[in-house]
Amino acid sequence: MSMAVVGLLAGMALGFAGYFGGFGAFVLVAALGAIGFVAGRFLDGDLEAGDFFRPRTSDRDYRRR
């Protein structure tokens, strides 16, 4: 399934939740969708658990000076 179709389905789900359930349902569906997205990326192997806990490094790491 292409990312365009996934985006279309997610948009439709958010639209239905917002229309029929109000703003609270919209926020709940959006939050659960984000959690599902992260879980899917984790299960596909695109993310590792350590990615959430490692500090970000940059080219200008001033601690090394």
N, C-alpha and C. Protein backbone atom coordinates (compact mmCIF):
# COMPACT_ATOMS: atom_id res chain seq x y z
N MET A 1 0.86 -1.16 0.00
CA MET A 1 0.00 0.00 0.00
C MET A 1 0.91 1.23 0.00
N SER A 2 0.60 2.16 -0.89
CA SER A 2 1.45 3.34 -1.00
C SER A 2 1.19 4.31 0.15
N MET A 3 2.14 5.19 0.37
CA MET A 3 2.00 6.17 1.46
C MET A 3 0.86 7.14 1.18
N ALA A 4 0.54 7.37 -0.09
CA ALA A 4 -0.58 8.25 -0.42
C ALA A 4 -1.90 7.64 0.04
N VAL A 5 -2.05 6.34 -0.13
CA VAL A 5 -3.27 5.66 0.30
C VAL A 5 -3.35 5.65 1.83
N VAL A 6 -2.23 5.41 2.48
CA VAL A 6 -2.21 5.42 3.94
C VAL A 6 -2.57 6.82 4.46
N GLY A 7 -2.03 7.85 3.84
CA GLY A 7 -2.36 9.22 4.23
C GLY A 7 -3.83 9.54 3.99
N LEU A 8 -4.38 9.04 2.89
CA LEU A 8 -5.79 9.24 2.60
C LEU A 8 -6.66 8.58 3.66
N LEU A 9 -6.33 7.35 4.02
CA LEU A 9 -7.11 6.64 5.05
C LEU A 9 -7.00 7.32 6.41
N ALA A 10 -5.80 7.77 6.75
CA ALA A 10 -5.63 8.47 8.03
C ALA A 10 -6.42 9.78 8.04
N GLY A 11 -6.39 10.51 6.95
CA GLY A 11 -7.15 11.75 6.86
C GLY A 11 -8.65 11.51 6.95
N MET A 12 -9.12 10.46 6.32
CA MET A 12 -10.55 10.14 6.39
C MET A 12 -10.94 9.73 7.80
N ALA A 13 -10.10 8.96 8.46
CA ALA A 13 -10.41 8.55 9.84
C ALA A 13 -10.46 9.77 10.76
N LEU A 14 -9.51 10.69 10.60
CA LEU A 14 -9.52 11.90 11.41
C LEU A 14 -10.73 12.77 11.10
N GLY A 15 -11.09 12.84 9.83
CA GLY A 15 -12.26 13.61 9.44
C GLY A 15 -13.55 13.06 10.04
N PHE A 16 -13.72 11.75 9.96
CA PHE A 16 -14.92 11.13 10.55
C PHE A 16 -14.95 11.31 12.06
N ALA A 17 -13.78 11.15 12.69
CA ALA A 17 -13.74 11.32 14.14
C ALA A 17 -14.07 12.75 14.54
N GLY A 18 -13.56 13.70 13.80
CA GLY A 18 -13.84 15.10 14.10
C GLY A 18 -15.29 15.47 13.85
N TYR A 19 -15.86 14.92 12.79
CA TYR A 19 -17.24 15.27 12.45
C TYR A 19 -18.24 14.63 13.41
N PHE A 20 -18.07 13.35 13.67
CA PHE A 20 -19.05 12.62 14.48
C PHE A 20 -18.77 12.67 15.97
N GLY A 21 -17.50 12.82 16.36
CA GLY A 21 -17.17 12.73 17.77
C GLY A 21 -16.73 14.02 18.41
N GLY A 22 -16.52 15.04 17.62
CA GLY A 22 -16.06 16.30 18.17
C GLY A 22 -14.54 16.36 18.27
N PHE A 23 -14.09 17.43 18.89
CA PHE A 23 -12.64 17.68 18.97
C PHE A 23 -11.92 16.65 19.82
N GLY A 24 -12.54 16.18 20.90
CA GLY A 24 -11.91 15.18 21.77
C GLY A 24 -11.64 13.89 21.02
N ALA A 25 -12.59 13.45 20.22
CA ALA A 25 -12.40 12.23 19.43
C ALA A 25 -11.33 12.45 18.36
N PHE A 26 -11.29 13.64 17.79
CA PHE A 26 -10.28 13.97 16.79
C PHE A 26 -8.88 13.84 17.39
N VAL A 27 -8.69 14.40 18.58
CA VAL A 27 -7.38 14.35 19.24
C VAL A 27 -7.02 12.91 19.62
N LEU A 28 -8.00 12.15 20.10
CA LEU A 28 -7.75 10.75 20.47
C LEU A 28 -7.33 9.94 19.25
N VAL A 29 -8.03 10.10 18.14
CA VAL A 29 -7.67 9.35 16.93
C VAL A 29 -6.30 9.78 16.42
N ALA A 30 -5.99 11.07 16.49
CA ALA A 30 -4.67 11.54 16.04
C ALA A 30 -3.56 10.98 16.93
N ALA A 31 -3.77 10.95 18.24
CA ALA A 31 -2.75 10.43 19.16
C ALA A 31 -2.55 8.93 18.95
N LEU A 32 -3.64 8.19 18.83
CA LEU A 32 -3.51 6.75 18.60
C LEU A 32 -2.89 6.46 17.24
N GLY A 33 -3.17 7.29 16.26
CA GLY A 33 -2.54 7.12 14.95
C GLY A 33 -1.04 7.34 15.02
N ALA A 34 -0.62 8.34 15.79
CA ALA A 34 0.82 8.60 15.94
C ALA A 34 1.51 7.45 16.66
N ILE A 35 0.87 6.92 17.69
CA ILE A 35 1.43 5.78 18.41
C ILE A 35 1.52 4.56 17.49
N GLY A 36 0.49 4.34 16.71
CA GLY A 36 0.51 3.23 15.75
C GLY A 36 1.58 3.39 14.69
N PHE A 37 1.80 4.64 14.25
CA PHE A 37 2.84 4.90 13.27
C PHE A 37 4.21 4.57 13.82
N VAL A 38 4.49 5.01 15.04
CA VAL A 38 5.78 4.73 15.66
C VAL A 38 5.95 3.22 15.90
N ALA A 39 4.89 2.56 16.34
CA ALA A 39 4.97 1.11 16.55
C ALA A 39 5.21 0.38 15.23
N GLY A 40 4.58 0.82 14.18
CA GLY A 40 4.80 0.20 12.87
C GLY A 40 6.21 0.40 12.37
N ARG A 41 6.76 1.61 12.55
CA ARG A 41 8.14 1.85 12.14
C ARG A 41 9.10 1.00 12.96
N PHE A 42 8.79 0.82 14.25
CA PHE A 42 9.61 -0.01 15.12
C PHE A 42 9.59 -1.47 14.66
N LEU A 43 8.40 -1.97 14.34
CA LEU A 43 8.27 -3.36 13.91
C LEU A 43 8.87 -3.60 12.53
N ASP A 44 8.88 -2.58 11.67
CA ASP A 44 9.50 -2.71 10.36
C ASP A 44 11.02 -2.69 10.44
N GLY A 45 11.55 -2.25 11.56
CA GLY A 45 12.99 -2.19 11.73
C GLY A 45 13.58 -0.84 11.38
N ASP A 46 12.73 0.15 11.10
CA ASP A 46 13.22 1.49 10.78
C ASP A 46 13.65 2.26 12.01
N LEU A 47 13.14 1.89 13.16
CA LEU A 47 13.48 2.53 14.43
C LEU A 47 14.01 1.49 15.39
N GLU A 48 14.87 1.92 16.28
CA GLU A 48 15.33 1.08 17.37
C GLU A 48 14.96 1.75 18.68
N ALA A 49 14.81 0.97 19.73
CA ALA A 49 14.42 1.53 21.03
C ALA A 49 15.45 2.54 21.52
N GLY A 50 16.71 2.34 21.22
CA GLY A 50 17.76 3.25 21.65
C GLY A 50 17.70 4.60 20.97
N ASP A 51 17.00 4.70 19.84
CA ASP A 51 16.88 5.99 19.14
C ASP A 51 16.15 7.02 19.98
N PHE A 52 15.33 6.58 20.90
CA PHE A 52 14.58 7.51 21.74
C PHE A 52 15.38 8.00 22.94
N PHE A 53 16.48 7.31 23.26
CA PHE A 53 17.21 7.62 24.48
C PHE A 53 18.62 8.13 24.23
N ARG A 54 19.15 8.00 23.03
CA ARG A 54 20.49 8.48 22.73
C ARG A 54 20.48 9.99 22.55
N PRO A 55 21.51 10.65 23.05
CA PRO A 55 21.58 12.10 22.81
C PRO A 55 21.93 12.37 21.35
N ARG A 56 21.42 13.45 20.84
CA ARG A 56 21.74 13.84 19.47
C ARG A 56 23.12 14.46 19.43
N THR A 57 23.87 14.14 18.41
CA THR A 57 25.19 14.73 18.25
C THR A 57 25.17 15.57 16.98
N SER A 58 26.01 16.56 16.95
CA SER A 58 26.11 17.40 15.77
C SER A 58 27.57 17.56 15.39
N ASP A 59 27.78 18.21 14.27
CA ASP A 59 29.15 18.45 13.83
C ASP A 59 29.85 19.43 14.76
N ARG A 60 29.10 20.27 15.40
CA ARG A 60 29.67 21.27 16.30
C ARG A 60 29.47 20.84 17.75
N ASP A 61 30.08 19.75 18.10
CA ASP A 61 29.96 19.25 19.46
C ASP A 61 30.98 19.99 20.33
N TYR A 62 30.51 20.96 21.09
CA TYR A 62 31.39 21.81 21.86
C TYR A 62 31.98 21.11 23.09
N ARG A 63 31.42 19.98 23.48
CA ARG A 63 31.95 19.28 24.65
C ARG A 63 33.31 18.65 24.37
N ARG A 64 33.63 18.43 23.12
CA ARG A 64 34.90 17.79 22.79
C ARG A 64 36.06 18.78 22.82
N ARG A 65 35.80 20.04 22.85
CA ARG A 65 36.88 21.04 22.84
C ARG A 65 37.52 21.19 24.16
